[in-house]
Amino acid sequence: MALRRNSWQKVRDGVCTDKNVHEDIDLAIHLLRADLPVA
């Protein structure tokens, strides 16, 4: 996968760190909810 650095900075403080959550899917969900398109 790859993403824009400025997109990461917009969601950085909200991503989950729970070990019972897949970090890559979690990141995609947070990007989507910030109106940042994932393809």
PDB file of all heavy atoms in Angstrom:
ATOM      1  N   MET A   1       0.831  -1.203   0.000  1.00  0.00           N
ATOM      2  CA  MET A   1       0.000   0.000   0.000  1.00  0.00           C
ATOM      3  C   MET A   1       0.868   1.256   0.000  1.00  0.00           C
ATOM      4  O   MET A   1       2.076   1.198   0.229  1.00  0.00           O
ATOM      5  CB  MET A   1      -0.914   0.021   1.221  1.00  0.00           C
ATOM      6  CG  MET A   1      -0.175  -0.033   2.555  1.00  0.00           C
ATOM      7  SD  MET A   1      -1.170   0.442   3.991  1.00  0.00           S
ATOM      8  CE  MET A   1      -1.179   2.227   3.811  1.00  0.00           C
ATOM      9  N   ALA A   2       0.235   2.385  -0.261  1.00  0.00           N
ATOM     10  CA  ALA A   2       0.913   3.685  -0.196  1.00  0.00           C
ATOM     11  C   ALA A   2      -0.126   4.753   0.098  1.00  0.00           C
ATOM     12  O   ALA A   2      -1.312   4.585  -0.205  1.00  0.00           O
ATOM     13  CB  ALA A   2       1.633   3.981  -1.505  1.00  0.00           C
ATOM     14  N   LEU A   3       0.328   5.843   0.693  1.00  0.00           N
ATOM     15  CA  LEU A   3      -0.578   6.944   0.990  1.00  0.00           C
ATOM     16  C   LEU A   3       0.180   8.260   0.952  1.00  0.00           C
ATOM     17  O   LEU A   3       1.410   8.288   1.000  1.00  0.00           O
ATOM     18  CB  LEU A   3      -1.247   6.769   2.345  1.00  0.00           C
ATOM     19  CG  LEU A   3      -0.440   7.040   3.630  1.00  0.00           C
ATOM     20  CD1 LEU A   3      -1.378   7.227   4.816  1.00  0.00           C
ATOM     21  CD2 LEU A   3       0.535   5.900   3.921  1.00  0.00           C
ATOM     22  N   ARG A   4      -0.570   9.344   0.886  1.00  0.00           N
ATOM     23  CA  ARG A   4       0.030  10.674   0.922  1.00  0.00           C
ATOM     24  C   ARG A   4       0.402  11.024   2.360  1.00  0.00           C
ATOM     25  O   ARG A   4      -0.371  10.773   3.289  1.00  0.00           O
ATOM     26  CB  ARG A   4      -0.943  11.715   0.363  1.00  0.00           C
ATOM     27  CG  ARG A   4      -1.326  11.488  -1.092  1.00  0.00           C
ATOM     28  CD  ARG A   4      -2.203  12.604  -1.619  1.00  0.00           C
ATOM     29  NE  ARG A   4      -2.762  12.257  -2.921  1.00  0.00           N
ATOM     30  CZ  ARG A   4      -2.157  12.456  -4.081  1.00  0.00           C
ATOM     31  NH1 ARG A   4      -0.959  13.021  -4.096  1.00  0.00           N
ATOM     32  NH2 ARG A   4      -2.727  12.096  -5.223  1.00  0.00           N
ATOM     33  N   ARG A   5       1.556  11.629   2.517  1.00  0.00           N
ATOM     34  CA  ARG A   5       2.008  11.991   3.869  1.00  0.00           C
ATOM     35  C   ARG A   5       1.051  12.983   4.524  1.00  0.00           C
ATOM     36  O   ARG A   5       0.769  12.877   5.725  1.00  0.00           O
ATOM     37  CB  ARG A   5       3.420  12.577   3.800  1.00  0.00           C
ATOM     38  CG  ARG A   5       3.966  13.040   5.157  1.00  0.00           C
ATOM     39  CD  ARG A   5       5.453  13.363   5.048  1.00  0.00           C
ATOM     40  NE  ARG A   5       5.957  14.013   6.242  1.00  0.00           N
ATOM     41  CZ  ARG A   5       6.136  15.322   6.376  1.00  0.00           C
ATOM     42  NH1 ARG A   5       5.859  16.130   5.361  1.00  0.00           N
ATOM     43  NH2 ARG A   5       6.611  15.833   7.496  1.00  0.00           N
ATOM     44  N   ASN A   6       0.532  13.945   3.759  1.00  0.00           N
ATOM     45  CA  ASN A   6      -0.375  14.918   4.366  1.00  0.00           C
ATOM     46  C   ASN A   6      -1.696  14.273   4.786  1.00  0.00           C
ATOM     47  O   ASN A   6      -2.341  14.720   5.724  1.00  0.00           O
ATOM     48  CB  ASN A   6      -0.614  16.124   3.449  1.00  0.00           C
ATOM     49  CG  ASN A   6      -1.181  15.758   2.097  1.00  0.00           C
ATOM     50  OD1 ASN A   6      -1.547  14.612   1.844  1.00  0.00           O
ATOM     51  ND2 ASN A   6      -1.264  16.738   1.207  1.00  0.00           N
ATOM     52  N   SER A   7      -2.081  13.170   4.117  1.00  0.00           N
ATOM     53  CA  SER A   7      -3.275  12.439   4.540  1.00  0.00           C
ATOM     54  C   SER A   7      -3.016  11.730   5.865  1.00  0.00           C
ATOM     55  O   SER A   7      -3.881  11.697   6.752  1.00  0.00           O
ATOM     56  CB  SER A   7      -3.686  11.421   3.470  1.00  0.00           C
ATOM     57  OG  SER A   7      -4.061  12.073   2.275  1.00  0.00           O
ATOM     58  N   TRP A   8      -1.828  11.127   5.995  1.00  0.00           N
ATOM     59  CA  TRP A   8      -1.454  10.493   7.258  1.00  0.00           C
ATOM     60  C   TRP A   8      -1.486  11.505   8.394  1.00  0.00           C
ATOM     61  O   TRP A   8      -1.998  11.225   9.484  1.00  0.00           O
ATOM     62  CB  TRP A   8      -0.072   9.866   7.139  1.00  0.00           C
ATOM     63  CG  TRP A   8       0.575   9.512   8.452  1.00  0.00           C
ATOM     64  CD1 TRP A   8       1.696  10.057   9.009  1.00  0.00           C
ATOM     65  CD2 TRP A   8       0.114   8.528   9.397  1.00  0.00           C
ATOM     66  NE1 TRP A   8       1.979   9.485  10.224  1.00  0.00           N
ATOM     67  CE2 TRP A   8       1.022   8.539  10.495  1.00  0.00           C
ATOM     68  CE3 TRP A   8      -0.958   7.643   9.434  1.00  0.00           C
ATOM     69  CZ2 TRP A   8       0.884   7.709  11.604  1.00  0.00           C
ATOM     70  CZ3 TRP A   8      -1.102   6.815  10.537  1.00  0.00           C
ATOM     71  CH2 TRP A   8      -0.190   6.843  11.603  1.00  0.00           C
ATOM     72  N   GLN A   9      -0.961  12.691   8.165  1.00  0.00           N
ATOM     73  CA  GLN A   9      -0.906  13.706   9.211  1.00  0.00           C
ATOM     74  C   GLN A   9      -2.311  14.135   9.658  1.00  0.00           C
ATOM     75  O   GLN A   9      -2.507  14.481  10.830  1.00  0.00           O
ATOM     76  CB  GLN A   9      -0.105  14.907   8.727  1.00  0.00           C
ATOM     77  CG  GLN A   9       1.386  14.599   8.546  1.00  0.00           C
ATOM     78  CD  GLN A   9       2.153  15.717   7.885  1.00  0.00           C
ATOM     79  OE1 GLN A   9       1.608  16.470   7.065  1.00  0.00           O
ATOM     80  NE2 GLN A   9       3.422  15.859   8.240  1.00  0.00           N
ATOM     81  N   LYS A  10      -3.270  14.062   8.759  1.00  0.00           N
ATOM     82  CA  LYS A  10      -4.636  14.466   9.102  1.00  0.00           C
ATOM     83  C   LYS A  10      -5.337  13.460  10.006  1.00  0.00           C
ATOM     84  O   LYS A  10      -6.224  13.828  10.775  1.00  0.00           O
ATOM     85  CB  LYS A  10      -5.449  14.682   7.824  1.00  0.00           C
ATOM     86  CG  LYS A  10      -5.031  15.909   7.037  1.00  0.00           C
ATOM     87  CD  LYS A  10      -5.802  16.028   5.734  1.00  0.00           C
ATOM     88  CE  LYS A  10      -5.334  17.237   4.929  1.00  0.00           C
ATOM     89  NZ  LYS A  10      -6.030  17.338   3.615  1.00  0.00           N
ATOM     90  N   VAL A  11      -4.957  12.187   9.912  1.00  0.00           N
ATOM     91  CA  VAL A  11      -5.646  11.159  10.711  1.00  0.00           C
ATOM     92  C   VAL A  11      -4.759  10.574  11.798  1.00  0.00           C
ATOM     93  O   VAL A  11      -5.215   9.759  12.602  1.00  0.00           O
ATOM     94  CB  VAL A  11      -6.172  10.018   9.802  1.00  0.00           C
ATOM     95  CG1 VAL A  11      -7.135  10.569   8.757  1.00  0.00           C
ATOM     96  CG2 VAL A  11      -5.027   9.256   9.138  1.00  0.00           C
ATOM     97  N   ARG A  12      -3.510  10.978  11.837  1.00  0.00           N
ATOM     98  CA  ARG A  12      -2.509  10.381  12.727  1.00  0.00           C
ATOM     99  C   ARG A  12      -2.964  10.248  14.179  1.00  0.00           C
ATOM    100  O   ARG A  12      -2.807   9.193  14.808  1.00  0.00           O
ATOM    101  CB  ARG A  12      -1.216  11.226  12.666  1.00  0.00           C
ATOM    102  CG  ARG A  12      -0.176  10.934  13.746  1.00  0.00           C
ATOM    103  CD  ARG A  12       0.374   9.532  13.611  1.00  0.00           C
ATOM    104  NE  ARG A  12       1.425   9.249  14.563  1.00  0.00           N
ATOM    105  CZ  ARG A  12       1.225   8.771  15.799  1.00  0.00           C
ATOM    106  NH1 ARG A  12      -0.015   8.570  16.247  1.00  0.00           N
ATOM    107  NH2 ARG A  12       2.259   8.491  16.578  1.00  0.00           N
ATOM    108  N   ASP A  13      -3.558  11.278  14.715  1.00  0.00           N
ATOM    109  CA  ASP A  13      -3.901  11.278  16.136  1.00  0.00           C
ATOM    110  C   ASP A  13      -5.168  10.484  16.453  1.00  0.00           C
ATOM    111  O   ASP A  13      -5.476  10.270  17.632  1.00  0.00           O
ATOM    112  CB  ASP A  13      -4.058  12.717  16.639  1.00  0.00           C
ATOM    113  CG  ASP A  13      -2.738  13.480  16.619  1.00  0.00           C
ATOM    114  OD1 ASP A  13      -1.683  12.823  16.678  1.00  0.00           O
ATOM    115  OD2 ASP A  13      -2.777  14.717  16.532  1.00  0.00           O
ATOM    116  N   GLY A  14      -5.866  10.024  15.413  1.00  0.00           N
ATOM    117  CA  GLY A  14      -7.116   9.312  15.654  1.00  0.00           C
ATOM    118  C   GLY A  14      -7.061   7.818  15.418  1.00  0.00           C
ATOM    119  O   GLY A  14      -8.001   7.101  15.781  1.00  0.00           O
ATOM    120  N   VAL A  15      -5.987   7.310  14.824  1.00  0.00           N
ATOM    121  CA  VAL A  15      -5.937   5.890  14.495  1.00  0.00           C
ATOM    122  C   VAL A  15      -5.871   5.039  15.758  1.00  0.00           C
ATOM    123  O   VAL A  15      -5.360   5.464  16.794  1.00  0.00           O
ATOM    124  CB  VAL A  15      -4.742   5.554  13.572  1.00  0.00           C
ATOM    125  CG1 VAL A  15      -4.900   6.226  12.217  1.00  0.00           C
ATOM    126  CG2 VAL A  15      -3.420   5.944  14.219  1.00  0.00           C
ATOM    127  N   CYS A  16      -6.396   3.827  15.649  1.00  0.00           N
ATOM    128  CA  CYS A  16      -6.479   2.933  16.800  1.00  0.00           C
ATOM    129  C   CYS A  16      -5.166   2.179  17.003  1.00  0.00           C
ATOM    130  O   CYS A  16      -4.459   1.869  16.042  1.00  0.00           O
ATOM    131  CB  CYS A  16      -7.606   1.929  16.605  1.00  0.00           C
ATOM    132  SG  CYS A  16      -9.234   2.693  16.401  1.00  0.00           S
ATOM    133  N   THR A  17      -4.872   1.853  18.257  1.00  0.00           N
ATOM    134  CA  THR A  17      -3.687   1.061  18.588  1.00  0.00           C
ATOM    135  C   THR A  17      -4.055  -0.228  19.310  1.00  0.00           C
ATOM    136  O   THR A  17      -3.196  -0.905  19.851  1.00  0.00           O
ATOM    137  CB  THR A  17      -2.709   1.868  19.463  1.00  0.00           C
ATOM    138  OG1 THR A  17      -3.392   2.311  20.651  1.00  0.00           O
ATOM    139  CG2 THR A  17      -2.180   3.081  18.703  1.00  0.00           C
ATOM    140  N   ASP A  18      -5.326  -0.584  19.286  1.00  0.00           N
ATOM    141  CA  ASP A  18      -5.822  -1.816  19.905  1.00  0.00           C
ATOM    142  C   ASP A  18      -5.298  -3.014  19.121  1.00  0.00           C
ATOM    143  O   ASP A  18      -5.405  -3.061  17.895  1.00  0.00           O
ATOM    144  CB  ASP A  18      -7.354  -1.799  19.877  1.00  0.00           C
ATOM    145  CG  ASP A  18      -7.989  -2.977  20.606  1.00  0.00           C
ATOM    146  OD1 ASP A  18      -7.282  -3.969  20.883  1.00  0.00           O
ATOM    147  OD2 ASP A  18      -9.198  -2.898  20.874  1.00  0.00           O
ATOM    148  N   LYS A  19      -4.730  -4.016  19.807  1.00  0.00           N
ATOM    149  CA  LYS A  19      -4.186  -5.186  19.124  1.00  0.00           C
ATOM    150  C   LYS A  19      -5.270  -6.062  18.520  1.00  0.00           C
ATOM    151  O   LYS A  19      -4.974  -6.951  17.728  1.00  0.00           O
ATOM    152  CB  LYS A  19      -3.312  -6.010  20.068  1.00  0.00           C
ATOM    153  CG  LYS A  19      -4.072  -6.737  21.173  1.00  0.00           C
ATOM    154  CD  LYS A  19      -3.129  -7.591  21.992  1.00  0.00           C
ATOM    155  CE  LYS A  19      -3.861  -8.376  23.068  1.00  0.00           C
ATOM    156  NZ  LYS A  19      -2.917  -9.243  23.844  1.00  0.00           N
ATOM    157  N   ASN A  20      -6.536  -5.813  18.885  1.00  0.00           N
ATOM    158  CA  ASN A  20      -7.649  -6.550  18.308  1.00  0.00           C
ATOM    159  C   ASN A  20      -8.282  -5.823  17.130  1.00  0.00           C
ATOM    160  O   ASN A  20      -9.432  -6.065  16.775  1.00  0.00           O
ATOM    161  CB  ASN A  20      -8.706  -6.827  19.387  1.00  0.00           C
ATOM    162  CG  ASN A  20      -8.208  -7.810  20.424  1.00  0.00           C
ATOM    163  OD1 ASN A  20      -7.646  -8.855  20.091  1.00  0.00           O
ATOM    164  ND2 ASN A  20      -8.392  -7.474  21.690  1.00  0.00           N
ATOM    165  N   VAL A  21      -7.503  -4.939  16.542  1.00  0.00           N
ATOM    166  CA  VAL A  21      -7.913  -4.190  15.352  1.00  0.00           C
ATOM    167  C   VAL A  21      -6.775  -4.278  14.336  1.00  0.00           C
ATOM    168  O   VAL A  21      -5.612  -4.094  14.687  1.00  0.00           O
ATOM    169  CB  VAL A  21      -8.204  -2.709  15.699  1.00  0.00           C
ATOM    170  CG1 VAL A  21      -8.314  -1.866  14.443  1.00  0.00           C
ATOM    171  CG2 VAL A  21      -9.481  -2.599  16.530  1.00  0.00           C
ATOM    172  N   HIS A  22      -7.101  -4.583  13.088  1.00  0.00           N
ATOM    173  CA  HIS A  22      -6.077  -4.606  12.042  1.00  0.00           C
ATOM    174  C   HIS A  22      -5.716  -3.171  11.666  1.00  0.00           C
ATOM    175  O   HIS A  22      -6.566  -2.403  11.198  1.00  0.00           O
ATOM    176  CB  HIS A  22      -6.572  -5.365  10.808  1.00  0.00           C
ATOM    177  CG  HIS A  22      -6.531  -6.853  10.971  1.00  0.00           C
ATOM    178  ND1 HIS A  22      -5.472  -7.503  11.560  1.00  0.00           N
ATOM    179  CD2 HIS A  22      -7.408  -7.824  10.606  1.00  0.00           C
ATOM    180  CE1 HIS A  22      -5.692  -8.805  11.564  1.00  0.00           C
ATOM    181  NE2 HIS A  22      -6.870  -9.031  11.004  1.00  0.00           N
ATOM    182  N   GLU A  23      -4.443  -2.823  11.855  1.00  0.00           N
ATOM    183  CA  GLU A  23      -4.006  -1.432  11.710  1.00  0.00           C
ATOM    184  C   GLU A  23      -4.181  -0.893  10.302  1.00  0.00           C
ATOM    185  O   GLU A  23      -4.421   0.298  10.113  1.00  0.00           O
ATOM    186  CB  GLU A  23      -2.553  -1.282  12.165  1.00  0.00           C
ATOM    187  CG  GLU A  23      -1.581  -2.322  11.632  1.00  0.00           C
ATOM    188  CD  GLU A  23      -1.023  -1.988  10.268  1.00  0.00           C
ATOM    189  OE1 GLU A  23      -1.079  -0.803   9.892  1.00  0.00           O
ATOM    190  OE2 GLU A  23      -0.549  -2.912   9.605  1.00  0.00           O
ATOM    191  N   ASP A  24      -4.082  -1.750   9.288  1.00  0.00           N
ATOM    192  CA  ASP A  24      -4.195  -1.258   7.917  1.00  0.00           C
ATOM    193  C   ASP A  24      -5.646  -0.929   7.553  1.00  0.00           C
ATOM    194  O   ASP A  24      -5.926   0.106   6.947  1.00  0.00           O
ATOM    195  CB  ASP A  24      -3.590  -2.252   6.915  1.00  0.00           C
ATOM    196  CG  ASP A  24      -3.970  -3.698   7.187  1.00  0.00           C
ATOM    197  OD1 ASP A  24      -4.818  -3.960   8.072  1.00  0.00           O
ATOM    198  OD2 ASP A  24      -3.403  -4.586   6.510  1.00  0.00           O
ATOM    199  N   ILE A  25      -6.585  -1.801   7.957  1.00  0.00           N
ATOM    200  CA  ILE A  25      -8.001  -1.521   7.705  1.00  0.00           C
ATOM    201  C   ILE A  25      -8.460  -0.331   8.541  1.00  0.00           C
ATOM    202  O   ILE A  25      -9.216   0.530   8.070  1.00  0.00           O
ATOM    203  CB  ILE A  25      -8.859  -2.759   7.990  1.00  0.00           C
ATOM    204  CG1 ILE A  25      -8.448  -3.912   7.075  1.00  0.00           C
ATOM    205  CG2 ILE A  25     -10.352  -2.448   7.803  1.00  0.00           C
ATOM    206  CD1 ILE A  25      -9.128  -5.228   7.369  1.00  0.00           C
ATOM    207  N   ASP A  26      -7.997  -0.275   9.777  1.00  0.00           N
ATOM    208  CA  ASP A  26      -8.324   0.858  10.644  1.00  0.00           C
ATOM    209  C   ASP A  26      -7.895   2.177  10.005  1.00  0.00           C
ATOM    210  O   ASP A  26      -8.644   3.159  10.004  1.00  0.00           O
ATOM    211  CB  ASP A  26      -7.626   0.686  11.995  1.00  0.00           C
ATOM    212  CG  ASP A  26      -7.753   1.916  12.880  1.00  0.00           C
ATOM    213  OD1 ASP A  26      -8.848   2.142  13.426  1.00  0.00           O
ATOM    214  OD2 ASP A  26      -6.747   2.653  13.005  1.00  0.00           O
ATOM    215  N   LEU A  27      -6.694   2.202   9.437  1.00  0.00           N
ATOM    216  CA  LEU A  27      -6.211   3.401   8.770  1.00  0.00           C
ATOM    217  C   LEU A  27      -7.119   3.780   7.611  1.00  0.00           C
ATOM    218  O   LEU A  27      -7.461   4.958   7.422  1.00  0.00           O
ATOM    219  CB  LEU A  27      -4.776   3.182   8.267  1.00  0.00           C
ATOM    220  CG  LEU A  27      -4.165   4.293   7.423  1.00  0.00           C
ATOM    221  CD1 LEU A  27      -4.138   5.619   8.178  1.00  0.00           C
ATOM    222  CD2 LEU A  27      -2.751   3.902   6.974  1.00  0.00           C
ATOM    223  N   ALA A  28      -7.541   2.787   6.833  1.00  0.00           N
ATOM    224  CA  ALA A  28      -8.426   3.055   5.701  1.00  0.00           C
ATOM    225  C   ALA A  28      -9.746   3.664   6.161  1.00  0.00           C
ATOM    226  O   ALA A  28     -10.263   4.607   5.543  1.00  0.00           O
ATOM    227  CB  ALA A  28      -8.683   1.758   4.927  1.00  0.00           C
ATOM    228  N   ILE A  29     -10.294   3.148   7.246  1.00  0.00           N
ATOM    229  CA  ILE A  29     -11.561   3.665   7.771  1.00  0.00           C
ATOM    230  C   ILE A  29     -11.407   5.109   8.235  1.00  0.00           C
ATOM    231  O   ILE A  29     -12.267   5.962   7.968  1.00  0.00           O
ATOM    232  CB  ILE A  29     -12.062   2.767   8.923  1.00  0.00           C
ATOM    233  CG1 ILE A  29     -12.453   1.385   8.377  1.00  0.00           C
ATOM    234  CG2 ILE A  29     -13.250   3.409   9.641  1.00  0.00           C
ATOM    235  CD1 ILE A  29     -12.746   0.363   9.455  1.00  0.00           C
ATOM    236  N   HIS A  30     -10.296   5.415   8.915  1.00  0.00           N
ATOM    237  CA  HIS A  30     -10.078   6.782   9.382  1.00  0.00           C
ATOM    238  C   HIS A  30      -9.868   7.745   8.218  1.00  0.00           C
ATOM    239  O   HIS A  30     -10.329   8.896   8.276  1.00  0.00           O
ATOM    240  CB  HIS A  30      -8.895   6.825  10.348  1.00  0.00           C
ATOM    241  CG  HIS A  30      -9.230   6.322  11.721  1.00  0.00           C
ATOM    242  ND1 HIS A  30      -9.815   7.116  12.681  1.00  0.00           N
ATOM    243  CD2 HIS A  30      -9.086   5.099  12.288  1.00  0.00           C
ATOM    244  CE1 HIS A  30     -10.014   6.419  13.773  1.00  0.00           C
ATOM    245  NE2 HIS A  30      -9.578   5.187  13.575  1.00  0.00           N
ATOM    246  N   LEU A  31      -9.204   7.300   7.175  1.00  0.00           N
ATOM    247  CA  LEU A  31      -9.046   8.138   5.989  1.00  0.00           C
ATOM    248  C   LEU A  31     -10.400   8.417   5.341  1.00  0.00           C
ATOM    249  O   LEU A  31     -10.713   9.554   4.966  1.00  0.00           O
ATOM    250  CB  LEU A  31      -8.113   7.458   4.982  1.00  0.00           C
ATOM    251  CG  LEU A  31      -6.629   7.408   5.362  1.00  0.00           C
ATOM    252  CD1 LEU A  31      -5.872   6.465   4.429  1.00  0.00           C
ATOM    253  CD2 LEU A  31      -5.998   8.798   5.310  1.00  0.00           C
ATOM    254  N   LEU A  32     -11.206   7.364   5.201  1.00  0.00           N
ATOM    255  CA  LEU A  32     -12.524   7.514   4.601  1.00  0.00           C
ATOM    256  C   LEU A  32     -13.375   8.513   5.375  1.00  0.00           C
ATOM    257  O   LEU A  32     -14.037   9.374   4.790  1.00  0.00           O
ATOM    258  CB  LEU A  32     -13.227   6.155   4.559  1.00  0.00           C
ATOM    259  CG  LEU A  32     -14.655   6.160   4.006  1.00  0.00           C
ATOM    260  CD1 LEU A  32     -14.649   6.412   2.506  1.00  0.00           C
ATOM    261  CD2 LEU A  32     -15.373   4.847   4.303  1.00  0.00           C
ATOM    262  N   ARG A  33     -13.333   8.427   6.702  1.00  0.00           N
ATOM    263  CA  ARG A  33     -14.173   9.300   7.527  1.00  0.00           C
ATOM    264  C   ARG A  33     -13.656  10.733   7.572  1.00  0.00           C
ATOM    265  O   ARG A  33     -14.354  11.627   8.046  1.00  0.00           O
ATOM    266  CB  ARG A  33     -14.299   8.707   8.927  1.00  0.00           C
ATOM    267  CG  ARG A  33     -15.134   7.428   8.888  1.00  0.00           C
ATOM    268  CD  ARG A  33     -15.401   6.812  10.235  1.00  0.00           C
ATOM    269  NE  ARG A  33     -16.399   5.760  10.105  1.00  0.00           N
ATOM    270  CZ  ARG A  33     -16.796   4.972  11.100  1.00  0.00           C
ATOM    271  NH1 ARG A  33     -16.290   5.139  12.314  1.00  0.00           N
ATOM    272  NH2 ARG A  33     -17.702   4.054  10.894  1.00  0.00           N
ATOM    273  N   ALA A  34     -12.436  10.914   7.084  1.00  0.00           N
ATOM    274  CA  ALA A  34     -11.902  12.270   6.933  1.00  0.00           C
ATOM    275  C   ALA A  34     -12.088  12.766   5.497  1.00  0.00           C
ATOM    276  O   ALA A  34     -11.488  13.769   5.099  1.00  0.00           O
ATOM    277  CB  ALA A  34     -10.425  12.295   7.313  1.00  0.00           C
ATOM    278  N   ASP A  35     -12.936  12.058   4.741  1.00  0.00           N
ATOM    279  CA  ASP A  35     -13.208  12.393   3.333  1.00  0.00           C
ATOM    280  C   ASP A  35     -11.954  12.343   2.474  1.00  0.00           C
ATOM    281  O   ASP A  35     -11.768  13.154   1.556  1.00  0.00           O
ATOM    282  CB  ASP A  35     -13.862  13.771   3.221  1.00  0.00           C
ATOM    283  CG  ASP A  35     -15.264  13.786   3.819  1.00  0.00           C
ATOM    284  OD1 ASP A  35     -15.994  12.789   3.649  1.00  0.00           O
ATOM    285  OD2 ASP A  35     -15.627  14.799   4.443  1.00  0.00           O
ATOM    286  N   LEU A  36     -11.080  11.382   2.787  1.00  0.00           N
ATOM    287  CA  LEU A  36      -9.854  11.172   2.020  1.00  0.00           C
ATOM    288  C   LEU A  36      -9.996   9.836   1.286  1.00  0.00           C
ATOM    289  O   LEU A  36     -10.022   8.778   1.918  1.00  0.00           O
ATOM    290  CB  LEU A  36      -8.641  11.160   2.957  1.00  0.00           C
ATOM    291  CG  LEU A  36      -8.415  12.462   3.737  1.00  0.00           C
ATOM    292  CD1 LEU A  36      -7.388  12.255   4.840  1.00  0.00           C
ATOM    293  CD2 LEU A  36      -7.964  13.570   2.788  1.00  0.00           C
ATOM    294  N   PRO A  37     -10.112   9.861  -0.040  1.00  0.00           N
ATOM    295  CA  PRO A  37     -10.462   8.655  -0.802  1.00  0.00           C
ATOM    296  C   PRO A  37      -9.379   7.577  -0.800  1.00  0.00           C
ATOM    297  O   PRO A  37      -8.190   7.857  -0.913  1.00  0.00           O
ATOM    298  CB  PRO A  37     -10.684   9.188  -2.222  1.00  0.00           C
ATOM    299  CG  PRO A  37      -9.933  10.479  -2.281  1.00  0.00           C
ATOM    300  CD  PRO A  37      -9.984  11.041  -0.897  1.00  0.00           C
ATOM    301  N   VAL A  38      -9.821   6.340  -0.623  1.00  0.00           N
ATOM    302  CA  VAL A  38      -8.959   5.159  -0.634  1.00  0.00           C
ATOM    303  C   VAL A  38      -9.324   4.314  -1.853  1.00  0.00           C
ATOM    304  O   VAL A  38     -10.503   4.119  -2.145  1.00  0.00           O
ATOM    305  CB  VAL A  38      -9.156   4.332   0.657  1.00  0.00           C
ATOM    306  CG1 VAL A  38      -8.314   3.059   0.626  1.00  0.00           C
ATOM    307  CG2 VAL A  38      -8.807   5.177   1.877  1.00  0.00           C
ATOM    308  N   ALA A  39      -8.309   3.801  -2.563  1.00  0.00           N
ATOM    309  CA  ALA A  39      -8.565   3.060  -3.800  1.00  0.00           C
ATOM    310  C   ALA A  39      -7.933   1.676  -3.768  1.00  0.00           C
ATOM    311  O   ALA A  39      -6.967   1.425  -3.033  1.00  0.00           O
ATOM    312  CB  ALA A  39      -8.028   3.852  -4.998  1.00  0.00           C
TER     313      ALA A  39
END
